[in-house]
């Protein structure tokens, strides 16, 4: 039986914030991983998106989840000399997805509510606004060049996790990112309040959609 999931990610908005004290994140770090930096600085990523047409490989074209919204907080790591993603939180508006992701992947999913009207995205947790942004796309899409921040922060093909004291990773696959530049106006960033961050990175990126395959976990 084939394992893993296929889905289409849409309307991804990538914002980044410089981490003021990377040592404060050590408790999140899985085994045999180290934090990754760009030009000597470490970054927290804040990514809003929608998950669409989620299918399990074993059930062909049967759609398990038609659509749900996600807001994830992440940072970046190195494992086996390769760049990956470490999720700190993932807020979605699908309870069954929260339960499934926690059981199958041990990921820190949380239930939230969302409003998305044109280019305005809002997220609520426990009925309290935790994120609101308005964005404008200001360039055509292109594949990021090597050695740029856009490439460094997005060109990553696995995520890692630590669950019940055991460290895991899961590979993902997709075509190269095609990214637009965007301008954001954040009116609420409460979702980041628990983290020690400095200023926002000046570039924001947007991807209209990308087809993704997520594989099963393996221990590291």
Protein backbone atom coordinates (compact mmCIF):
# COMPACT_ATOMS: atom_id res chain seq x y z
CA UNK A 1 0.00 0.00 0.00
CA UNK A 2 1.32 3.43 -0.95
CA UNK A 3 1.85 5.80 1.95
CA UNK A 4 1.88 9.57 2.17
CA UNK A 5 -0.33 12.46 1.10
CA UNK A 6 -0.85 14.62 -1.97
CA UNK A 7 -2.28 18.12 -1.84
CA UNK A 8 -2.31 21.52 -3.50
CA UNK A 9 -1.11 24.49 -1.48
CA UNK A 10 -2.58 27.83 -2.53
CA UNK A 11 -2.15 31.52 -1.72
CA UNK A 12 1.01 31.06 0.33
CA UNK A 13 2.33 34.23 1.94
CA UNK A 14 5.84 34.00 3.42
CA UNK A 15 6.88 36.56 6.05
CA UNK A 16 10.06 36.36 8.12
CA UNK A 17 11.34 37.86 11.35
CA UNK A 18 14.86 37.86 12.74
CA UNK A 19 15.28 35.74 15.86
CA UNK A 20 16.92 37.69 18.68
CA UNK A 21 18.09 34.67 20.71
CA UNK A 22 18.36 31.34 18.91
CA UNK A 23 19.27 29.58 22.19
CA UNK A 24 15.67 30.14 23.33
CA UNK A 25 14.58 27.66 20.63
CA UNK A 26 16.86 24.76 21.61
CA UNK A 27 14.06 22.84 23.31
CA UNK A 28 12.31 22.47 19.93
CA UNK A 29 15.37 21.06 18.14
CA UNK A 30 15.22 17.35 17.15
CA UNK A 31 18.23 15.05 17.44
CA UNK A 32 21.08 15.42 14.94
CA UNK A 33 19.80 18.81 13.75
CA UNK A 34 21.22 22.31 14.02
CA UNK A 35 19.66 25.69 13.31
CA UNK A 36 20.29 27.17 9.88
CA UNK A 37 21.17 30.84 9.31
CA UNK A 38 21.29 33.29 6.41
CA UNK A 39 24.16 35.79 6.44
CA UNK A 40 24.75 34.92 10.09
CA UNK A 41 21.16 35.58 11.20
CA UNK A 42 18.41 33.16 12.21
CA UNK A 43 14.81 33.63 11.11
CA UNK A 44 11.29 32.75 12.13
CA UNK A 45 8.91 32.16 9.24
CA UNK A 46 5.20 33.02 9.34
CA UNK A 47 3.30 31.40 6.48
CA UNK A 48 -0.42 31.66 5.72
CA UNK A 49 -1.94 29.38 3.08
CA UNK A 50 -4.82 27.10 2.12
CA UNK A 51 -4.60 23.32 1.77
CA UNK A 52 -6.70 21.97 -1.10
CA UNK A 53 -7.73 18.55 -2.44
CA UNK A 54 -5.84 16.52 0.15
CA UNK A 55 -5.58 12.87 -0.93
CA UNK A 56 -3.89 9.80 0.50
CA UNK A 57 -1.70 7.90 -1.96
CA UNK A 58 -3.39 4.60 -1.07
CA UNK A 59 -6.87 5.84 -2.08
CA UNK A 60 -6.08 7.35 -5.47
CA UNK A 61 -8.16 10.39 -6.39
CA UNK A 62 -10.47 10.24 -3.38
CA UNK A 63 -10.36 13.65 -1.67
CA UNK A 64 -10.12 13.38 2.11
CA UNK A 65 -10.13 17.13 2.77
CA UNK A 66 -11.44 19.58 0.18
CA UNK A 67 -10.03 22.77 1.70
CA UNK A 68 -8.82 24.23 4.96
CA UNK A 69 -6.74 27.23 6.02
CA UNK A 70 -3.37 27.12 7.74
CA UNK A 71 -1.08 29.54 9.53
CA UNK A 72 2.27 28.05 10.47
CA UNK A 73 5.22 29.35 12.45
CA UNK A 74 8.53 27.76 11.53
CA UNK A 75 12.26 28.06 11.71
CA UNK A 76 14.99 26.48 9.63
CA UNK A 77 17.40 23.65 10.35
CA UNK A 78 20.16 21.50 8.87
CA UNK A 79 20.07 17.69 9.03
CA UNK A 80 22.62 15.51 7.22
CA UNK A 81 24.00 18.70 5.64
CA UNK A 82 20.64 19.39 3.98
CA UNK A 83 18.24 22.28 4.71
CA UNK A 84 14.86 21.54 6.27
CA UNK A 85 11.96 23.08 8.18
CA UNK A 86 11.07 22.86 11.87
CA UNK A 87 7.45 23.75 12.63
CA UNK A 88 6.76 25.46 15.94
CA UNK A 89 2.98 25.70 15.49
CA UNK A 90 0.39 25.05 12.78
CA UNK A 91 -3.06 26.61 13.21
CA UNK A 92 -5.82 25.23 10.98
CA UNK A 93 -9.62 25.42 10.81
CA UNK A 94 -10.18 21.67 10.45
CA UNK A 95 -10.54 19.67 13.66
CA UNK A 96 -10.12 16.30 11.93
CA UNK A 97 -6.88 17.55 10.35
CA UNK A 98 -5.61 18.61 13.77
CA UNK A 99 -6.34 15.17 15.22
CA UNK A 100 -4.89 13.32 12.22
CA UNK A 101 -1.69 15.38 12.04
CA UNK A 102 -1.05 15.02 15.76
CA UNK A 103 -1.56 11.25 15.65
CA UNK A 104 0.22 10.50 12.36
CA UNK A 105 3.01 13.10 12.44
CA UNK A 106 3.12 14.40 16.01
CA UNK A 107 3.03 17.92 14.62
CA UNK A 108 1.96 20.87 16.83
CA UNK A 109 -1.38 21.46 15.07
CA UNK A 110 -3.97 23.67 16.79
CA UNK A 111 -7.58 24.44 15.94
CA UNK A 112 -8.30 28.01 14.82
CA UNK A 113 -10.85 30.07 12.91
CA UNK A 114 -10.10 32.02 9.75
CA UNK A 115 -11.43 34.87 7.68
CA UNK A 116 -10.04 35.42 4.22
CA UNK A 117 -11.50 38.18 2.03
CA UNK A 118 -9.60 39.02 -1.14
CA UNK A 119 -6.07 39.90 0.07
CA UNK A 120 -6.90 40.14 3.78
CA UNK A 121 -6.23 37.13 6.02
CA UNK A 122 -7.24 36.84 9.69
CA UNK A 123 -6.77 34.01 12.17
CA UNK A 124 -8.49 33.55 15.53
CA UNK A 125 -7.53 31.16 18.32
CA UNK A 126 -9.79 30.66 21.33
CA UNK A 127 -12.00 33.40 19.82
CA UNK A 128 -9.13 35.89 20.03
CA UNK A 129 -7.58 37.54 16.99
CA UNK A 130 -3.98 36.29 16.69
CA UNK A 131 -3.05 37.32 13.15
CA UNK A 132 -4.30 39.77 10.56
CA UNK A 133 -2.55 40.96 7.44
CA UNK A 134 -3.41 42.72 4.21
CA UNK A 135 -1.13 42.06 1.27
CA UNK A 136 -0.51 43.24 -2.27
CA UNK A 137 1.37 41.33 -4.96
CA UNK A 138 3.87 43.65 -6.63
CA UNK A 139 5.80 41.48 -9.11
CA UNK A 140 5.44 38.62 -11.54
CA UNK A 141 6.27 35.11 -10.38
CA UNK A 142 9.76 33.70 -10.91
CA UNK A 143 11.97 30.93 -9.57
CA UNK A 144 14.32 32.39 -6.92
CA UNK A 145 17.99 32.60 -7.77
CA UNK A 146 20.58 30.68 -5.79
CA UNK A 147 22.12 32.41 -2.77
CA UNK A 148 19.08 34.67 -2.27
CA UNK A 149 16.97 34.82 0.87
CA UNK A 150 13.92 33.68 -1.11
CA UNK A 151 15.72 30.51 -2.20
CA UNK A 152 17.25 29.89 1.22
CA UNK A 153 13.92 30.16 3.06
CA UNK A 154 11.77 28.12 0.67
CA UNK A 155 13.98 25.57 -1.11
CA UNK A 156 13.61 22.89 1.56
CA UNK A 157 12.34 19.38 0.96
CA UNK A 158 11.77 17.88 4.39
CA UNK A 159 10.51 18.84 7.81
CA UNK A 160 11.64 17.53 11.20
CA UNK A 161 9.81 17.09 14.46
CA UNK A 162 10.33 15.89 18.02
CA UNK A 163 7.42 13.97 19.49
CA UNK A 164 7.34 12.14 22.83
CA UNK A 165 11.12 12.43 22.99
CA UNK A 166 11.65 10.79 19.57
CA UNK A 167 13.01 12.72 16.56
CA UNK A 168 11.49 12.29 13.10
CA UNK A 169 11.65 13.71 9.62
CA UNK A 170 9.35 13.52 6.59
CA UNK A 171 10.39 14.24 3.02
CA UNK A 172 8.24 16.39 0.76
CA UNK A 173 8.44 16.82 -3.01
CA UNK A 174 7.21 19.45 -5.45
CA UNK A 175 8.29 21.53 -8.42
CA UNK A 176 10.59 24.52 -7.78
CA UNK A 177 8.89 27.45 -6.10
CA UNK A 178 7.63 30.23 -8.36
CA UNK A 179 7.41 33.31 -6.14
CA UNK A 180 6.08 36.84 -6.44
CA UNK A 181 7.16 39.75 -4.28
CA UNK A 182 4.47 41.11 -1.98
CA UNK A 183 3.91 44.01 0.40
CA UNK A 184 2.17 43.28 3.70
CA UNK A 185 0.46 45.42 6.31
CA UNK A 186 0.24 43.45 9.55
CA UNK A 187 -2.28 44.75 12.06
CA UNK A 188 -2.02 41.79 14.45
CA UNK A 189 0.91 39.42 15.11
CA UNK A 190 -0.15 38.01 18.46
CA UNK A 191 0.71 34.51 17.18
CA UNK A 192 4.39 35.48 17.46
CA UNK A 193 4.23 36.97 20.96
CA UNK A 194 5.79 33.95 22.68
CA UNK A 195 8.94 34.11 20.55
CA UNK A 196 11.95 36.40 20.90
CA UNK A 197 12.16 38.21 17.58
CA UNK A 198 13.57 41.45 16.24
CA UNK A 199 12.59 43.27 13.05
CA UNK A 200 10.76 41.81 10.07
CA UNK A 201 12.80 40.81 7.03
CA UNK A 202 12.10 43.41 4.30
CA UNK A 203 11.04 40.92 1.63
CA UNK A 204 7.74 39.03 1.59
CA UNK A 205 6.98 36.27 -0.92
CA UNK A 206 3.75 34.94 -2.40
CA UNK A 207 3.04 31.72 -4.30
CA UNK A 208 -0.26 31.23 -6.11
CA UNK A 209 -0.23 27.44 -5.89
CA UNK A 210 2.01 24.38 -5.83
CA UNK A 211 1.31 20.62 -5.86
CA UNK A 212 3.00 18.80 -2.99
CA UNK A 213 3.56 15.21 -1.89
CA UNK A 214 4.28 14.55 1.79
CA UNK A 215 5.84 11.21 2.71
CA UNK A 216 5.64 9.23 5.94
CA UNK A 217 7.79 9.86 8.99
CA UNK A 218 11.15 8.21 9.55
CA UNK A 219 13.21 8.31 12.70
CA UNK A 220 16.44 10.32 12.80
